Protein backbone atom coordinates (compact mmCIF):
# COMPACT_ATOMS: atom_id res chain seq x y z
CA UNK A 1 0.00 0.00 0.00
CA UNK A 2 1.45 3.36 -1.03
CA UNK A 3 0.41 6.30 1.10
CA UNK A 4 0.82 9.99 0.60
CA UNK A 5 3.32 11.58 2.90
CA UNK A 6 1.88 13.60 5.76
CA UNK A 7 3.35 17.09 6.11
CA UNK A 8 5.44 17.20 9.31
CA UNK A 9 3.88 18.94 12.30
CA UNK A 10 6.41 21.55 13.31
CA UNK A 11 4.24 23.23 15.94
CA UNK A 12 5.39 23.60 19.50
CA UNK A 13 2.30 22.37 21.34
CA UNK A 14 3.58 23.30 24.82
CA UNK A 15 1.25 26.32 24.73
CA UNK A 16 -1.59 23.93 25.67
CA UNK A 17 -0.21 24.00 29.21
CA UNK A 18 -1.22 27.67 29.47
CA UNK A 19 -4.41 27.97 27.40
CA UNK A 20 -7.35 25.88 26.18
CA UNK A 21 -7.01 24.23 22.78
CA UNK A 22 -9.55 25.80 20.43
CA UNK A 23 -9.49 22.74 18.13
CA UNK A 24 -10.29 19.97 20.61
CA UNK A 25 -11.64 21.92 23.58
CA UNK A 26 -9.34 20.58 26.29
CA UNK A 27 -8.05 22.95 28.93
CA UNK A 28 -5.15 21.15 30.57
CA UNK A 29 -5.03 23.73 33.36
CA UNK A 30 -8.14 22.04 34.79
CA UNK A 31 -6.50 18.61 35.00
CA UNK A 32 -4.49 17.74 38.06
CA UNK A 33 -1.97 14.94 38.27
CA UNK A 34 -4.47 12.79 40.18
CA UNK A 35 -6.88 12.92 37.23
CA UNK A 36 -4.34 11.97 34.56
CA UNK A 37 -4.73 8.17 34.96
CA UNK A 38 -8.53 8.27 34.63
CA UNK A 39 -8.33 10.48 31.55
CA UNK A 40 -5.71 8.21 29.98
CA UNK A 41 -7.94 5.19 30.55
CA UNK A 42 -10.65 6.82 28.43
CA UNK A 43 -8.41 7.10 25.37
CA UNK A 44 -8.13 3.45 24.37
CA UNK A 45 -11.90 2.74 24.43
CA UNK A 46 -12.53 5.83 22.31
CA UNK A 47 -10.00 4.63 19.74
CA UNK A 48 -11.30 1.07 20.09
CA UNK A 49 -14.73 2.08 18.81
CA UNK A 50 -13.19 3.65 15.73
CA UNK A 51 -10.78 0.77 15.13
CA UNK A 52 -13.65 -1.75 15.38
CA UNK A 53 -14.66 -0.55 11.92
CA UNK A 54 -11.79 -2.71 10.64
CA UNK A 55 -10.64 -1.70 7.18
CA UNK A 56 -12.73 1.47 7.36
CA UNK A 57 -10.30 2.67 10.03
CA UNK A 58 -7.56 2.58 7.39
CA UNK A 59 -9.19 5.27 5.24
CA UNK A 60 -7.68 8.72 5.35
CA UNK A 61 -10.19 11.55 5.41
CA UNK A 62 -7.83 13.41 3.06
CA UNK A 63 -4.58 12.28 1.41
CA UNK A 64 -2.41 14.32 3.76
CA UNK A 65 -4.33 13.45 6.98
CA UNK A 66 -3.67 10.31 8.99
CA UNK A 67 -6.31 7.60 9.07
CA UNK A 68 -7.84 6.61 12.42
CA UNK A 69 -5.56 3.54 12.41
CA UNK A 70 -2.48 5.72 11.91
CA UNK A 71 -3.59 8.05 14.73
CA UNK A 72 -4.14 5.02 16.98
CA UNK A 73 -0.63 3.74 16.22
CA UNK A 74 0.70 7.19 17.02
CA UNK A 75 -1.27 7.30 20.30
CA UNK A 76 0.11 3.87 21.26
CA UNK A 77 3.66 5.00 20.53
CA UNK A 78 3.14 8.27 22.41
CA UNK A 79 1.96 6.29 25.45
CA UNK A 80 5.06 4.08 25.26
CA UNK A 81 7.35 7.09 24.82
CA UNK A 82 5.80 9.03 27.70
CA UNK A 83 6.04 5.98 29.96
CA UNK A 84 9.78 5.92 29.26
CA UNK A 85 10.06 9.67 29.84
CA UNK A 86 8.05 9.57 33.06
CA UNK A 87 10.15 6.74 34.47
CA UNK A 88 13.31 8.59 33.48
CA UNK A 89 12.09 11.71 35.27
CA UNK A 90 11.37 9.69 38.40
CA UNK A 91 14.78 8.00 38.48
CA UNK A 92 17.17 10.61 37.04
CA UNK A 93 17.85 14.19 37.99
CA UNK A 94 16.68 16.54 35.23
CA UNK A 95 17.00 14.09 32.32
CA UNK A 96 17.24 15.23 28.72
CA UNK A 97 14.86 13.33 26.43
CA UNK A 98 16.05 11.95 23.13
CA UNK A 99 14.41 13.54 20.13
CA UNK A 100 11.45 11.61 18.72
CA UNK A 101 10.38 12.13 15.14
CA UNK A 102 6.72 11.14 15.05
CA UNK A 103 6.62 11.35 11.27
CA UNK A 104 9.58 9.01 10.86
CA UNK A 105 8.00 6.67 13.43
CA UNK A 106 4.84 6.50 11.32
CA UNK A 107 6.79 5.61 8.19
CA UNK A 108 9.24 3.24 9.90
CA UNK A 109 6.45 1.60 11.87
CA UNK A 110 4.29 1.18 8.76
CA UNK A 111 1.31 2.49 10.68
CA UNK A 112 -1.08 2.15 7.74
CA UNK A 113 -0.32 -1.57 7.42
CA UNK A 114 -0.93 -2.62 11.02
CA UNK A 115 -3.96 -4.62 12.13
CA UNK A 116 -6.67 -2.51 13.79
CA UNK A 117 -7.56 -5.12 16.44
CA UNK A 118 -3.92 -5.60 17.39
CA UNK A 119 -3.32 -1.85 17.59
CA UNK A 120 -6.41 -1.44 19.79
CA UNK A 121 -5.08 -4.10 22.18
CA UNK A 122 -1.57 -2.61 22.19
CA UNK A 123 -2.95 0.88 22.82
CA UNK A 124 -5.05 -0.43 25.71
CA UNK A 125 -2.01 -2.11 27.25
CA UNK A 126 0.27 0.91 26.74
CA UNK A 127 -2.25 3.33 28.22
CA UNK A 128 -2.86 1.09 31.23
CA UNK A 129 0.86 0.78 32.00
CA UNK A 130 1.23 4.56 31.70
CA UNK A 131 -1.86 5.28 33.81
CA UNK A 132 -0.52 2.98 36.53
CA UNK A 133 2.86 4.73 36.38
CA UNK A 134 1.17 8.12 36.90
CA UNK A 135 -0.85 6.64 39.79
CA UNK A 136 2.43 5.65 41.43
CA UNK A 137 3.86 9.18 41.41
CA UNK A 138 4.37 10.38 44.97
CA UNK A 139 3.44 13.95 45.93
CA UNK A 140 7.10 14.85 46.43
CA UNK A 141 7.93 13.70 42.87
CA UNK A 142 5.29 15.69 40.99
CA UNK A 143 7.69 18.62 40.52
CA UNK A 144 10.63 16.58 39.23
CA UNK A 145 11.83 18.00 35.92
CA UNK A 146 12.86 16.71 32.53
CA UNK A 147 13.81 18.47 29.31
CA UNK A 148 12.78 17.84 25.75
CA UNK A 149 15.52 17.97 23.12
CA UNK A 150 14.43 21.50 22.15
CA UNK A 151 14.92 22.67 25.74
CA UNK A 152 11.24 22.68 26.77
CA UNK A 153 11.05 21.97 30.51
CA UNK A 154 8.41 19.68 31.95
CA UNK A 155 7.61 18.64 35.47
CA UNK A 156 5.97 15.28 36.08
CA UNK A 157 2.69 17.17 36.46
CA UNK A 158 3.02 19.22 33.26
CA UNK A 159 4.18 16.13 31.37
CA UNK A 160 0.91 14.46 32.37
CA UNK A 161 -1.16 17.44 31.32
CA UNK A 162 0.69 17.74 28.00
CA UNK A 163 0.18 14.02 27.38
CA UNK A 164 -3.53 14.23 28.15
CA UNK A 165 -3.93 16.97 25.56
CA UNK A 166 -1.96 15.06 22.94
CA UNK A 167 -4.00 11.88 23.27
CA UNK A 168 -7.39 13.56 23.66
CA UNK A 169 -6.65 15.82 20.71
CA UNK A 170 -6.11 12.72 18.59
CA UNK A 171 -9.38 11.23 19.82
CA UNK A 172 -10.93 14.45 18.54
CA UNK A 173 -9.05 14.02 15.25
CA UNK A 174 -10.65 10.61 14.63
CA UNK A 175 -14.10 11.08 16.17
CA UNK A 176 -14.82 14.77 15.77
CA UNK A 177 -15.92 14.79 19.42
CA UNK A 178 -14.70 17.59 21.60
CA UNK A 179 -11.94 16.28 23.85
CA UNK A 180 -13.74 17.60 26.92
CA UNK A 181 -16.47 15.03 26.21
CA UNK A 182 -13.87 12.31 26.83
CA UNK A 183 -12.20 13.91 29.86
CA UNK A 184 -13.63 13.95 33.40
C-alpha atoms as a PDB file:
ATOM      1  CA  UNK A   1       0.000   0.000   0.000  1.00  0.00           C
ATOM      2  CA  UNK A   2       1.450   3.361  -1.032  1.00  0.00           C
ATOM      3  CA  UNK A   3       0.414   6.297   1.105  1.00  0.00           C
ATOM      4  CA  UNK A   4       0.819   9.990   0.602  1.00  0.00           C
ATOM      5  CA  UNK A   5       3.322  11.582   2.905  1.00  0.00           C
ATOM      6  CA  UNK A   6       1.882  13.597   5.759  1.00  0.00           C
ATOM      7  CA  UNK A   7       3.349  17.094   6.106  1.00  0.00           C
ATOM      8  CA  UNK A   8       5.435  17.201   9.308  1.00  0.00           C
ATOM      9  CA  UNK A   9       3.876  18.945  12.301  1.00  0.00           C
ATOM     10  CA  UNK A  10       6.414  21.547  13.307  1.00  0.00           C
ATOM     11  CA  UNK A  11       4.236  23.231  15.936  1.00  0.00           C
ATOM     12  CA  UNK A  12       5.392  23.602  19.504  1.00  0.00           C
ATOM     13  CA  UNK A  13       2.300  22.371  21.343  1.00  0.00           C
ATOM     14  CA  UNK A  14       3.575  23.298  24.824  1.00  0.00           C
ATOM     15  CA  UNK A  15       1.249  26.324  24.734  1.00  0.00           C
ATOM     16  CA  UNK A  16      -1.590  23.927  25.671  1.00  0.00           C
ATOM     17  CA  UNK A  17      -0.215  24.001  29.211  1.00  0.00           C
ATOM     18  CA  UNK A  18      -1.223  27.670  29.472  1.00  0.00           C
ATOM     19  CA  UNK A  19      -4.409  27.967  27.397  1.00  0.00           C
ATOM     20  CA  UNK A  20      -7.349  25.882  26.177  1.00  0.00           C
ATOM     21  CA  UNK A  21      -7.006  24.233  22.782  1.00  0.00           C
ATOM     22  CA  UNK A  22      -9.549  25.796  20.426  1.00  0.00           C
ATOM     23  CA  UNK A  23      -9.485  22.744  18.135  1.00  0.00           C
ATOM     24  CA  UNK A  24     -10.291  19.972  20.614  1.00  0.00           C
ATOM     25  CA  UNK A  25     -11.640  21.921  23.584  1.00  0.00           C
ATOM     26  CA  UNK A  26      -9.339  20.576  26.289  1.00  0.00           C
ATOM     27  CA  UNK A  27      -8.051  22.949  28.934  1.00  0.00           C
ATOM     28  CA  UNK A  28      -5.152  21.151  30.568  1.00  0.00           C
ATOM     29  CA  UNK A  29      -5.034  23.733  33.358  1.00  0.00           C
ATOM     30  CA  UNK A  30      -8.142  22.039  34.793  1.00  0.00           C
ATOM     31  CA  UNK A  31      -6.503  18.606  34.999  1.00  0.00           C
ATOM     32  CA  UNK A  32      -4.488  17.744  38.062  1.00  0.00           C
ATOM     33  CA  UNK A  33      -1.972  14.940  38.273  1.00  0.00           C
ATOM     34  CA  UNK A  34      -4.469  12.788  40.184  1.00  0.00           C
ATOM     35  CA  UNK A  35      -6.885  12.924  37.228  1.00  0.00           C
ATOM     36  CA  UNK A  36      -4.343  11.971  34.560  1.00  0.00           C
ATOM     37  CA  UNK A  37      -4.733   8.172  34.963  1.00  0.00           C
ATOM     38  CA  UNK A  38      -8.526   8.272  34.627  1.00  0.00           C
ATOM     39  CA  UNK A  39      -8.335  10.479  31.547  1.00  0.00           C
ATOM     40  CA  UNK A  40      -5.708   8.212  29.984  1.00  0.00           C
ATOM     41  CA  UNK A  41      -7.936   5.189  30.547  1.00  0.00           C
ATOM     42  CA  UNK A  42     -10.649   6.817  28.426  1.00  0.00           C
ATOM     43  CA  UNK A  43      -8.406   7.103  25.373  1.00  0.00           C
ATOM     44  CA  UNK A  44      -8.132   3.445  24.371  1.00  0.00           C
ATOM     45  CA  UNK A  45     -11.898   2.737  24.429  1.00  0.00           C
ATOM     46  CA  UNK A  46     -12.531   5.833  22.312  1.00  0.00           C
ATOM     47  CA  UNK A  47     -10.003   4.632  19.737  1.00  0.00           C
ATOM     48  CA  UNK A  48     -11.301   1.071  20.091  1.00  0.00           C
ATOM     49  CA  UNK A  49     -14.727   2.084  18.815  1.00  0.00           C
ATOM     50  CA  UNK A  50     -13.190   3.653  15.732  1.00  0.00           C
ATOM     51  CA  UNK A  51     -10.785   0.766  15.132  1.00  0.00           C
ATOM     52  CA  UNK A  52     -13.652  -1.745  15.382  1.00  0.00           C
ATOM     53  CA  UNK A  53     -14.657  -0.551  11.923  1.00  0.00           C
ATOM     54  CA  UNK A  54     -11.791  -2.711  10.640  1.00  0.00           C
ATOM     55  CA  UNK A  55     -10.640  -1.702   7.182  1.00  0.00           C
ATOM     56  CA  UNK A  56     -12.730   1.470   7.357  1.00  0.00           C
ATOM     57  CA  UNK A  57     -10.297   2.667  10.030  1.00  0.00           C
ATOM     58  CA  UNK A  58      -7.555   2.585   7.391  1.00  0.00           C
ATOM     59  CA  UNK A  59      -9.185   5.271   5.242  1.00  0.00           C
ATOM     60  CA  UNK A  60      -7.675   8.716   5.347  1.00  0.00           C
ATOM     61  CA  UNK A  61     -10.188  11.554   5.410  1.00  0.00           C
ATOM     62  CA  UNK A  62      -7.827  13.408   3.059  1.00  0.00           C
ATOM     63  CA  UNK A  63      -4.582  12.278   1.407  1.00  0.00           C
ATOM     64  CA  UNK A  64      -2.407  14.316   3.765  1.00  0.00           C
ATOM     65  CA  UNK A  65      -4.334  13.454   6.976  1.00  0.00           C
ATOM     66  CA  UNK A  66      -3.674  10.308   8.988  1.00  0.00           C
ATOM     67  CA  UNK A  67      -6.309   7.602   9.072  1.00  0.00           C
ATOM     68  CA  UNK A  68      -7.844   6.606  12.416  1.00  0.00           C
ATOM     69  CA  UNK A  69      -5.562   3.544  12.408  1.00  0.00           C
ATOM     70  CA  UNK A  70      -2.485   5.723  11.911  1.00  0.00           C
ATOM     71  CA  UNK A  71      -3.594   8.045  14.726  1.00  0.00           C
ATOM     72  CA  UNK A  72      -4.136   5.021  16.982  1.00  0.00           C
ATOM     73  CA  UNK A  73      -0.632   3.738  16.221  1.00  0.00           C
ATOM     74  CA  UNK A  74       0.703   7.192  17.023  1.00  0.00           C
ATOM     75  CA  UNK A  75      -1.274   7.299  20.297  1.00  0.00           C
ATOM     76  CA  UNK A  76       0.113   3.870  21.258  1.00  0.00           C
ATOM     77  CA  UNK A  77       3.662   5.001  20.525  1.00  0.00           C
ATOM     78  CA  UNK A  78       3.144   8.272  22.407  1.00  0.00           C
ATOM     79  CA  UNK A  79       1.962   6.292  25.448  1.00  0.00           C
ATOM     80  CA  UNK A  80       5.061   4.081  25.259  1.00  0.00           C
ATOM     81  CA  UNK A  81       7.352   7.086  24.822  1.00  0.00           C
ATOM     82  CA  UNK A  82       5.804   9.026  27.698  1.00  0.00           C
ATOM     83  CA  UNK A  83       6.038   5.984  29.964  1.00  0.00           C
ATOM     84  CA  UNK A  84       9.775   5.923  29.257  1.00  0.00           C
ATOM     85  CA  UNK A  85      10.059   9.671  29.837  1.00  0.00           C
ATOM     86  CA  UNK A  86       8.053   9.569  33.057  1.00  0.00           C
ATOM     87  CA  UNK A  87      10.152   6.740  34.465  1.00  0.00           C
ATOM     88  CA  UNK A  88      13.310   8.590  33.482  1.00  0.00           C
ATOM     89  CA  UNK A  89      12.087  11.711  35.269  1.00  0.00           C
ATOM     90  CA  UNK A  90      11.366   9.689  38.399  1.00  0.00           C
ATOM     91  CA  UNK A  91      14.782   8.002  38.483  1.00  0.00           C
ATOM     92  CA  UNK A  92      17.165  10.609  37.036  1.00  0.00           C
ATOM     93  CA  UNK A  93      17.848  14.194  37.992  1.00  0.00           C
ATOM     94  CA  UNK A  94      16.675  16.539  35.233  1.00  0.00           C
ATOM     95  CA  UNK A  95      17.004  14.095  32.324  1.00  0.00           C
ATOM     96  CA  UNK A  96      17.235  15.226  28.723  1.00  0.00           C
ATOM     97  CA  UNK A  97      14.863  13.331  26.435  1.00  0.00           C
ATOM     98  CA  UNK A  98      16.048  11.954  23.128  1.00  0.00           C
ATOM     99  CA  UNK A  99      14.411  13.544  20.125  1.00  0.00           C
ATOM    100  CA  UNK A 100      11.455  11.610  18.721  1.00  0.00           C
ATOM    101  CA  UNK A 101      10.380  12.133  15.138  1.00  0.00           C
ATOM    102  CA  UNK A 102       6.722  11.145  15.049  1.00  0.00           C
ATOM    103  CA  UNK A 103       6.619  11.353  11.274  1.00  0.00           C
ATOM    104  CA  UNK A 104       9.579   9.009  10.862  1.00  0.00           C
ATOM    105  CA  UNK A 105       8.002   6.669  13.427  1.00  0.00           C
ATOM    106  CA  UNK A 106       4.840   6.503  11.321  1.00  0.00           C
ATOM    107  CA  UNK A 107       6.791   5.607   8.191  1.00  0.00           C
ATOM    108  CA  UNK A 108       9.243   3.243   9.896  1.00  0.00           C
ATOM    109  CA  UNK A 109       6.445   1.596  11.872  1.00  0.00           C
ATOM    110  CA  UNK A 110       4.292   1.179   8.765  1.00  0.00           C
ATOM    111  CA  UNK A 111       1.308   2.489  10.680  1.00  0.00           C
ATOM    112  CA  UNK A 112      -1.085   2.146   7.743  1.00  0.00           C
ATOM    113  CA  UNK A 113      -0.323  -1.570   7.420  1.00  0.00           C
ATOM    114  CA  UNK A 114      -0.930  -2.622  11.023  1.00  0.00           C
ATOM    115  CA  UNK A 115      -3.962  -4.620  12.133  1.00  0.00           C
ATOM    116  CA  UNK A 116      -6.668  -2.507  13.788  1.00  0.00           C
ATOM    117  CA  UNK A 117      -7.557  -5.121  16.443  1.00  0.00           C
ATOM    118  CA  UNK A 118      -3.922  -5.600  17.391  1.00  0.00           C
ATOM    119  CA  UNK A 119      -3.319  -1.846  17.586  1.00  0.00           C
ATOM    120  CA  UNK A 120      -6.411  -1.443  19.792  1.00  0.00           C
ATOM    121  CA  UNK A 121      -5.076  -4.096  22.184  1.00  0.00           C
ATOM    122  CA  UNK A 122      -1.566  -2.612  22.194  1.00  0.00           C
ATOM    123  CA  UNK A 123      -2.947   0.875  22.821  1.00  0.00           C
ATOM    124  CA  UNK A 124      -5.051  -0.428  25.709  1.00  0.00           C
ATOM    125  CA  UNK A 125      -2.006  -2.105  27.252  1.00  0.00           C
ATOM    126  CA  UNK A 126       0.271   0.907  26.745  1.00  0.00           C
ATOM    127  CA  UNK A 127      -2.252   3.335  28.224  1.00  0.00           C
ATOM    128  CA  UNK A 128      -2.865   1.086  31.234  1.00  0.00           C
ATOM    129  CA  UNK A 129       0.861   0.780  31.999  1.00  0.00           C
ATOM    130  CA  UNK A 130       1.231   4.556  31.699  1.00  0.00           C
ATOM    131  CA  UNK A 131      -1.859   5.278  33.814  1.00  0.00           C
ATOM    132  CA  UNK A 132      -0.519   2.978  36.532  1.00  0.00           C
ATOM    133  CA  UNK A 133       2.856   4.734  36.381  1.00  0.00           C
ATOM    134  CA  UNK A 134       1.170   8.117  36.895  1.00  0.00           C
ATOM    135  CA  UNK A 135      -0.851   6.641  39.791  1.00  0.00           C
ATOM    136  CA  UNK A 136       2.428   5.650  41.429  1.00  0.00           C
ATOM    137  CA  UNK A 137       3.863   9.180  41.412  1.00  0.00           C
ATOM    138  CA  UNK A 138       4.371  10.381  44.966  1.00  0.00           C
ATOM    139  CA  UNK A 139       3.444  13.946  45.928  1.00  0.00           C
ATOM    140  CA  UNK A 140       7.099  14.845  46.426  1.00  0.00           C
ATOM    141  CA  UNK A 141       7.933  13.703  42.874  1.00  0.00           C
ATOM    142  CA  UNK A 142       5.288  15.692  40.986  1.00  0.00           C
ATOM    143  CA  UNK A 143       7.692  18.620  40.520  1.00  0.00           C
ATOM    144  CA  UNK A 144      10.635  16.576  39.231  1.00  0.00           C
ATOM    145  CA  UNK A 145      11.831  18.002  35.920  1.00  0.00           C
ATOM    146  CA  UNK A 146      12.858  16.707  32.530  1.00  0.00           C
ATOM    147  CA  UNK A 147      13.811  18.473  29.307  1.00  0.00           C
ATOM    148  CA  UNK A 148      12.777  17.837  25.749  1.00  0.00           C
ATOM    149  CA  UNK A 149      15.518  17.972  23.117  1.00  0.00           C
ATOM    150  CA  UNK A 150      14.428  21.504  22.151  1.00  0.00           C
ATOM    151  CA  UNK A 151      14.920  22.675  25.744  1.00  0.00           C
ATOM    152  CA  UNK A 152      11.241  22.682  26.765  1.00  0.00           C
ATOM    153  CA  UNK A 153      11.048  21.970  30.506  1.00  0.00           C
ATOM    154  CA  UNK A 154       8.408  19.677  31.950  1.00  0.00           C
ATOM    155  CA  UNK A 155       7.611  18.637  35.472  1.00  0.00           C
ATOM    156  CA  UNK A 156       5.967  15.280  36.083  1.00  0.00           C
ATOM    157  CA  UNK A 157       2.686  17.167  36.459  1.00  0.00           C
ATOM    158  CA  UNK A 158       3.020  19.219  33.260  1.00  0.00           C
ATOM    159  CA  UNK A 159       4.180  16.130  31.368  1.00  0.00           C
ATOM    160  CA  UNK A 160       0.915  14.456  32.370  1.00  0.00           C
ATOM    161  CA  UNK A 161      -1.164  17.442  31.318  1.00  0.00           C
ATOM    162  CA  UNK A 162       0.690  17.743  28.002  1.00  0.00           C
ATOM    163  CA  UNK A 163       0.185  14.022  27.378  1.00  0.00           C
ATOM    164  CA  UNK A 164      -3.534  14.226  28.148  1.00  0.00           C
ATOM    165  CA  UNK A 165      -3.928  16.965  25.560  1.00  0.00           C
ATOM    166  CA  UNK A 166      -1.961  15.060  22.936  1.00  0.00           C
ATOM    167  CA  UNK A 167      -4.002  11.884  23.266  1.00  0.00           C
ATOM    168  CA  UNK A 168      -7.392  13.560  23.657  1.00  0.00           C
ATOM    169  CA  UNK A 169      -6.650  15.821  20.712  1.00  0.00           C
ATOM    170  CA  UNK A 170      -6.108  12.717  18.587  1.00  0.00           C
ATOM    171  CA  UNK A 171      -9.377  11.231  19.823  1.00  0.00           C
ATOM    172  CA  UNK A 172     -10.930  14.453  18.543  1.00  0.00           C
ATOM    173  CA  UNK A 173      -9.049  14.021  15.247  1.00  0.00           C
ATOM    174  CA  UNK A 174     -10.650  10.612  14.633  1.00  0.00           C
ATOM    175  CA  UNK A 175     -14.102  11.076  16.171  1.00  0.00           C
ATOM    176  CA  UNK A 176     -14.819  14.767  15.767  1.00  0.00           C
ATOM    177  CA  UNK A 177     -15.917  14.789  19.418  1.00  0.00           C
ATOM    178  CA  UNK A 178     -14.698  17.588  21.599  1.00  0.00           C
ATOM    179  CA  UNK A 179     -11.943  16.280  23.853  1.00  0.00           C
ATOM    180  CA  UNK A 180     -13.737  17.599  26.918  1.00  0.00           C
ATOM    181  CA  UNK A 181     -16.473  15.028  26.206  1.00  0.00           C
ATOM    182  CA  UNK A 182     -13.866  12.313  26.828  1.00  0.00           C
ATOM    183  CA  UNK A 183     -12.198  13.907  29.863  1.00  0.00           C
ATOM    184  CA  UNK A 184     -13.625  13.949  33.402  1.00  0.00           C
END
